[in-house]
């Protein structure tokens, strides 16, 4: 998966870039079909914001979070994204199970 980390009106340090890429990369453990990810970090006054958009096979997932610290915002964003990915994966698995049981019931 290709992850792009950029900053809006701020300079993204290498440590922030690697931290965000690592956190977003852990989502790939749950769902292999991710193609690209775009992370945008920004600071408005004292509020740090982190936004991510992931393009997966069959879906586009987005999450955002804000906190007093950029690392905390990235953590919160990654947790939200993790829940979304698990929910998306569950929908795919359930969809195929229900489809099979309907076909099976029709054949009886």
N, C-alpha and C. Protein backbone atom coordinates (compact mmCIF):
# COMPACT_ATOMS: atom_id res chain seq x y z
N UNK A 1 0.85 -1.17 0.00
CA UNK A 1 0.00 0.00 0.00
C UNK A 1 0.90 1.24 0.00
N UNK A 2 0.53 2.20 -0.81
CA UNK A 2 1.28 3.44 -0.89
C UNK A 2 0.61 4.49 0.01
N UNK A 3 1.38 5.02 0.96
CA UNK A 3 0.85 6.01 1.91
C UNK A 3 1.57 7.34 1.68
N UNK A 4 0.79 8.39 1.45
CA UNK A 4 1.33 9.73 1.27
C UNK A 4 0.97 10.57 2.49
N UNK A 5 1.97 11.17 3.12
CA UNK A 5 1.75 12.02 4.28
C UNK A 5 2.13 13.44 3.90
N UNK A 6 1.19 14.37 4.05
CA UNK A 6 1.47 15.76 3.70
C UNK A 6 0.95 16.67 4.81
N UNK A 7 1.42 17.90 4.81
CA UNK A 7 1.02 18.87 5.81
C UNK A 7 0.35 20.05 5.17
N UNK A 8 -0.63 20.59 5.82
CA UNK A 8 -1.31 21.78 5.34
C UNK A 8 -0.88 22.94 6.23
N UNK A 9 -0.14 23.85 5.66
CA UNK A 9 0.41 25.03 6.35
C UNK A 9 1.32 24.63 7.51
N UNK A 10 2.03 23.53 7.34
CA UNK A 10 3.00 23.10 8.34
C UNK A 10 4.03 22.20 7.67
N UNK A 11 5.19 22.11 8.27
CA UNK A 11 6.25 21.23 7.78
C UNK A 11 6.11 19.88 8.48
N UNK A 12 6.05 18.82 7.70
CA UNK A 12 5.92 17.47 8.27
C UNK A 12 7.32 16.91 8.47
N UNK A 13 7.65 16.63 9.72
CA UNK A 13 8.97 16.07 10.02
C UNK A 13 9.00 14.60 9.65
N UNK A 14 10.19 14.07 9.54
CA UNK A 14 10.35 12.66 9.18
C UNK A 14 9.77 11.75 10.26
N UNK A 15 9.89 12.15 11.53
CA UNK A 15 9.33 11.33 12.60
C UNK A 15 7.80 11.29 12.53
N UNK A 16 7.16 12.43 12.23
CA UNK A 16 5.71 12.45 12.07
C UNK A 16 5.29 11.61 10.86
N UNK A 17 6.06 11.73 9.79
CA UNK A 17 5.75 10.99 8.57
C UNK A 17 5.82 9.47 8.81
N UNK A 18 6.88 9.03 9.47
CA UNK A 18 7.02 7.59 9.73
C UNK A 18 5.99 7.09 10.74
N UNK A 19 5.66 7.92 11.74
CA UNK A 19 4.68 7.54 12.75
C UNK A 19 3.30 7.35 12.11
N UNK A 20 2.91 8.31 11.27
CA UNK A 20 1.61 8.23 10.59
C UNK A 20 1.57 7.03 9.64
N UNK A 21 2.64 6.82 8.90
CA UNK A 21 2.68 5.69 7.96
C UNK A 21 2.60 4.36 8.71
N UNK A 22 3.26 4.28 9.86
CA UNK A 22 3.23 3.05 10.66
C UNK A 22 1.82 2.78 11.18
N UNK A 23 1.16 3.82 11.69
CA UNK A 23 -0.19 3.66 12.25
C UNK A 23 -1.19 3.28 11.16
N UNK A 24 -1.10 3.89 10.00
CA UNK A 24 -2.01 3.57 8.91
C UNK A 24 -1.66 2.20 8.32
N UNK A 25 -0.40 1.85 8.32
CA UNK A 25 0.03 0.56 7.80
C UNK A 25 -0.50 -0.61 8.59
N UNK A 26 -0.78 -0.41 9.87
CA UNK A 26 -1.28 -1.53 10.68
C UNK A 26 -2.70 -1.93 10.27
N UNK A 27 -3.39 -1.05 9.57
CA UNK A 27 -4.73 -1.37 9.07
C UNK A 27 -4.65 -2.50 8.05
N UNK A 28 -3.53 -2.58 7.36
CA UNK A 28 -3.36 -3.59 6.34
C UNK A 28 -3.34 -5.01 6.92
N UNK A 29 -3.11 -5.14 8.23
CA UNK A 29 -3.18 -6.45 8.87
C UNK A 29 -4.59 -7.03 8.77
N UNK A 30 -5.58 -6.14 8.85
CA UNK A 30 -6.97 -6.57 8.86
C UNK A 30 -7.53 -6.76 7.46
N UNK A 31 -7.05 -5.96 6.51
CA UNK A 31 -7.66 -5.95 5.17
C UNK A 31 -6.58 -5.70 4.14
N UNK A 32 -6.31 -6.68 3.28
CA UNK A 32 -5.20 -6.62 2.34
C UNK A 32 -5.46 -5.78 1.11
N UNK A 33 -6.69 -5.46 0.81
CA UNK A 33 -7.04 -4.87 -0.46
C UNK A 33 -6.93 -3.35 -0.50
N UNK A 34 -6.12 -2.76 0.35
CA UNK A 34 -5.89 -1.32 0.34
C UNK A 34 -4.91 -0.98 -0.78
N UNK A 35 -5.19 0.07 -1.54
CA UNK A 35 -4.30 0.45 -2.62
C UNK A 35 -3.48 1.68 -2.28
N UNK A 36 -4.16 2.76 -1.87
CA UNK A 36 -3.45 3.99 -1.53
C UNK A 36 -4.05 4.63 -0.28
N UNK A 37 -3.23 5.42 0.38
CA UNK A 37 -3.68 6.17 1.55
C UNK A 37 -3.09 7.56 1.53
N UNK A 38 -3.93 8.56 1.80
CA UNK A 38 -3.48 9.96 1.86
C UNK A 38 -3.74 10.50 3.26
N UNK A 39 -2.69 10.92 3.93
CA UNK A 39 -2.80 11.49 5.27
C UNK A 39 -2.46 12.97 5.17
N UNK A 40 -3.34 13.82 5.73
CA UNK A 40 -3.11 15.26 5.75
C UNK A 40 -3.08 15.71 7.21
N UNK A 41 -1.99 16.34 7.59
CA UNK A 41 -1.82 16.85 8.95
C UNK A 41 -1.87 18.37 8.90
N UNK A 42 -2.54 18.97 9.89
CA UNK A 42 -2.61 20.44 9.93
C UNK A 42 -2.74 20.93 11.36
N UNK A 43 -2.33 22.16 11.56
CA UNK A 43 -2.42 22.80 12.88
C UNK A 43 -3.21 24.09 12.72
N UNK A 44 -4.26 24.25 13.52
CA UNK A 44 -5.04 25.48 13.56
C UNK A 44 -5.01 25.98 15.00
N UNK A 45 -4.37 27.09 15.21
CA UNK A 45 -4.14 27.65 16.54
C UNK A 45 -3.49 26.59 17.42
N UNK A 46 -4.17 26.11 18.45
CA UNK A 46 -3.58 25.08 19.32
C UNK A 46 -4.14 23.69 19.06
N UNK A 47 -4.92 23.55 17.99
CA UNK A 47 -5.58 22.28 17.70
C UNK A 47 -4.88 21.58 16.55
N UNK A 48 -4.47 20.34 16.78
CA UNK A 48 -3.79 19.53 15.77
C UNK A 48 -4.81 18.60 15.13
N UNK A 49 -4.86 18.58 13.80
CA UNK A 49 -5.84 17.76 13.08
C UNK A 49 -5.13 16.78 12.17
N UNK A 50 -5.70 15.59 12.08
CA UNK A 50 -5.18 14.54 11.20
C UNK A 50 -6.34 13.95 10.42
N UNK A 51 -6.22 13.94 9.10
CA UNK A 51 -7.24 13.38 8.21
C UNK A 51 -6.60 12.30 7.36
N UNK A 52 -7.37 11.26 7.07
CA UNK A 52 -6.87 10.19 6.20
C UNK A 52 -7.98 9.75 5.25
N UNK A 53 -7.59 9.42 4.04
CA UNK A 53 -8.48 8.83 3.06
C UNK A 53 -7.80 7.59 2.50
N UNK A 54 -8.45 6.45 2.65
CA UNK A 54 -7.91 5.19 2.14
C UNK A 54 -8.77 4.69 0.99
N UNK A 55 -8.12 4.30 -0.06
CA UNK A 55 -8.82 3.72 -1.19
C UNK A 55 -8.60 2.22 -1.15
N UNK A 56 -9.69 1.50 -1.05
CA UNK A 56 -9.63 0.04 -0.98
C UNK A 56 -10.44 -0.52 -2.13
N UNK A 57 -10.29 -1.79 -2.33
CA UNK A 57 -11.05 -2.46 -3.38
C UNK A 57 -12.53 -2.43 -2.99
N UNK A 58 -13.30 -1.64 -3.72
CA UNK A 58 -14.73 -1.56 -3.48
C UNK A 58 -15.17 -0.48 -2.51
N UNK A 59 -14.26 0.30 -1.95
CA UNK A 59 -14.68 1.32 -0.98
C UNK A 59 -13.60 2.39 -0.82
N UNK A 60 -14.05 3.55 -0.38
CA UNK A 60 -13.15 4.62 0.03
C UNK A 60 -13.49 4.93 1.48
N UNK A 61 -12.50 4.83 2.36
CA UNK A 61 -12.71 5.05 3.79
C UNK A 61 -12.01 6.33 4.21
N UNK A 62 -12.67 7.11 5.05
CA UNK A 62 -12.08 8.36 5.52
C UNK A 62 -12.27 8.49 7.02
N UNK A 63 -11.29 9.11 7.67
CA UNK A 63 -11.38 9.35 9.11
C UNK A 63 -10.61 10.62 9.43
N UNK A 64 -11.05 11.30 10.48
CA UNK A 64 -10.32 12.49 10.92
C UNK A 64 -10.41 12.58 12.44
N UNK A 65 -9.43 13.25 13.01
CA UNK A 65 -9.40 13.40 14.46
C UNK A 65 -8.64 14.68 14.79
N UNK A 66 -8.92 15.21 15.95
CA UNK A 66 -8.20 16.40 16.41
C UNK A 66 -7.90 16.27 17.90
N UNK A 67 -6.74 16.80 18.27
CA UNK A 67 -6.30 16.71 19.66
C UNK A 67 -5.32 17.85 19.95
N UNK A 68 -4.85 17.92 21.17
CA UNK A 68 -3.89 18.95 21.57
C UNK A 68 -2.48 18.62 21.09
N UNK A 69 -2.24 17.36 20.74
CA UNK A 69 -0.93 16.89 20.31
C UNK A 69 -1.10 16.16 18.98
N UNK A 70 -0.17 16.33 18.05
CA UNK A 70 -0.29 15.72 16.73
C UNK A 70 -0.24 14.20 16.82
N UNK A 71 0.59 13.65 17.69
CA UNK A 71 0.69 12.20 17.83
C UNK A 71 -0.62 11.62 18.37
N UNK A 72 -1.26 12.33 19.29
CA UNK A 72 -2.55 11.88 19.83
C UNK A 72 -3.62 11.93 18.74
N UNK A 73 -3.58 12.95 17.90
CA UNK A 73 -4.54 13.06 16.79
C UNK A 73 -4.35 11.91 15.80
N UNK A 74 -3.11 11.57 15.52
CA UNK A 74 -2.83 10.46 14.61
C UNK A 74 -3.31 9.15 15.21
N UNK A 75 -3.10 8.95 16.52
CA UNK A 75 -3.57 7.74 17.20
C UNK A 75 -5.09 7.61 17.11
N UNK A 76 -5.80 8.71 17.41
CA UNK A 76 -7.26 8.69 17.36
C UNK A 76 -7.76 8.42 15.95
N UNK A 77 -7.12 9.04 14.96
CA UNK A 77 -7.49 8.84 13.56
C UNK A 77 -7.28 7.38 13.16
N UNK A 78 -6.17 6.79 13.56
CA UNK A 78 -5.88 5.39 13.22
C UNK A 78 -6.89 4.45 13.86
N UNK A 79 -7.30 4.74 15.10
CA UNK A 79 -8.30 3.91 15.77
C UNK A 79 -9.64 3.97 15.05
N UNK A 80 -10.05 5.17 14.64
CA UNK A 80 -11.30 5.32 13.90
C UNK A 80 -11.24 4.56 12.58
N UNK A 81 -10.12 4.69 11.91
CA UNK A 81 -9.96 4.02 10.62
C UNK A 81 -9.95 2.51 10.79
N UNK A 82 -9.33 2.03 11.86
CA UNK A 82 -9.29 0.61 12.16
C UNK A 82 -10.70 0.05 12.32
N UNK A 83 -11.54 0.76 13.07
CA UNK A 83 -12.92 0.32 13.25
C UNK A 83 -13.68 0.29 11.93
N UNK A 84 -13.45 1.30 11.08
CA UNK A 84 -14.12 1.35 9.79
C UNK A 84 -13.70 0.19 8.89
N UNK A 85 -12.42 -0.12 8.90
CA UNK A 85 -11.91 -1.21 8.07
C UNK A 85 -12.50 -2.54 8.53
N UNK A 86 -12.54 -2.76 9.83
CA UNK A 86 -13.13 -4.00 10.35
C UNK A 86 -14.60 -4.11 9.98
N UNK A 87 -15.33 -2.99 10.07
CA UNK A 87 -16.74 -2.98 9.71
C UNK A 87 -16.92 -3.27 8.22
N UNK A 88 -16.07 -2.68 7.39
CA UNK A 88 -16.14 -2.91 5.95
C UNK A 88 -15.84 -4.37 5.61
N UNK A 89 -14.85 -4.92 6.27
CA UNK A 89 -14.49 -6.32 6.05
C UNK A 89 -15.63 -7.24 6.48
N UNK A 90 -16.26 -6.92 7.60
CA UNK A 90 -17.38 -7.70 8.10
C UNK A 90 -18.55 -7.67 7.11
N UNK A 91 -18.80 -6.51 6.52
CA UNK A 91 -19.87 -6.40 5.53
C UNK A 91 -19.59 -7.29 4.34
N UNK A 92 -18.35 -7.31 3.88
CA UNK A 92 -18.00 -8.15 2.74
C UNK A 92 -18.19 -9.62 3.05
N UNK A 93 -17.75 -10.03 4.23
CA UNK A 93 -17.86 -11.44 4.61
C UNK A 93 -19.32 -11.82 4.80
N UNK A 94 -20.10 -10.99 5.49
CA UNK A 94 -21.51 -11.28 5.72
C UNK A 94 -22.29 -11.31 4.42
N UNK A 95 -21.95 -10.44 3.51
CA UNK A 95 -22.65 -10.37 2.23
C UNK A 95 -22.51 -11.68 1.48
N UNK A 96 -21.32 -12.21 1.46
CA UNK A 96 -21.11 -13.46 0.74
C UNK A 96 -21.74 -14.65 1.47
N UNK A 97 -21.76 -14.62 2.77
CA UNK A 97 -22.40 -15.71 3.51
C UNK A 97 -23.90 -15.74 3.26
N UNK A 98 -24.53 -14.58 3.33
CA UNK A 98 -25.97 -14.51 3.10
C UNK A 98 -26.32 -14.93 1.69
N UNK A 99 -25.50 -14.54 0.75
CA UNK A 99 -25.75 -14.89 -0.65
C UNK A 99 -25.72 -16.41 -0.82
N UNK A 100 -24.75 -17.06 -0.20
CA UNK A 100 -24.63 -18.50 -0.30
C UNK A 100 -25.79 -19.22 0.37
N UNK A 101 -26.25 -18.73 1.52
CA UNK A 101 -27.33 -19.41 2.21
C UNK A 101 -28.64 -19.25 1.45
N UNK A 102 -28.83 -18.14 0.77
CA UNK A 102 -30.04 -17.95 -0.02
C UNK A 102 -30.04 -18.91 -1.21
N UNK A 103 -28.90 -19.04 -1.87
CA UNK A 103 -28.80 -19.97 -2.99
C UNK A 103 -29.02 -21.40 -2.51
N UNK A 104 -28.44 -21.70 -1.34
CA UNK A 104 -28.59 -23.04 -0.79
C UNK A 104 -30.05 -23.33 -0.47
N UNK A 105 -30.75 -22.35 0.10
CA UNK A 105 -32.16 -22.53 0.46
C UNK A 105 -33.02 -22.68 -0.80
N UNK A 106 -32.67 -21.99 -1.86
CA UNK A 106 -33.44 -22.09 -3.10
C UNK A 106 -33.27 -23.46 -3.75
N UNK A 107 -32.12 -24.07 -3.57
CA UNK A 107 -31.87 -25.37 -4.18
C UNK A 107 -32.60 -26.49 -3.46
N UNK A 108 -33.02 -26.27 -2.22
CA UNK A 108 -33.70 -27.32 -1.46
C UNK A 108 -35.10 -27.40 -1.87
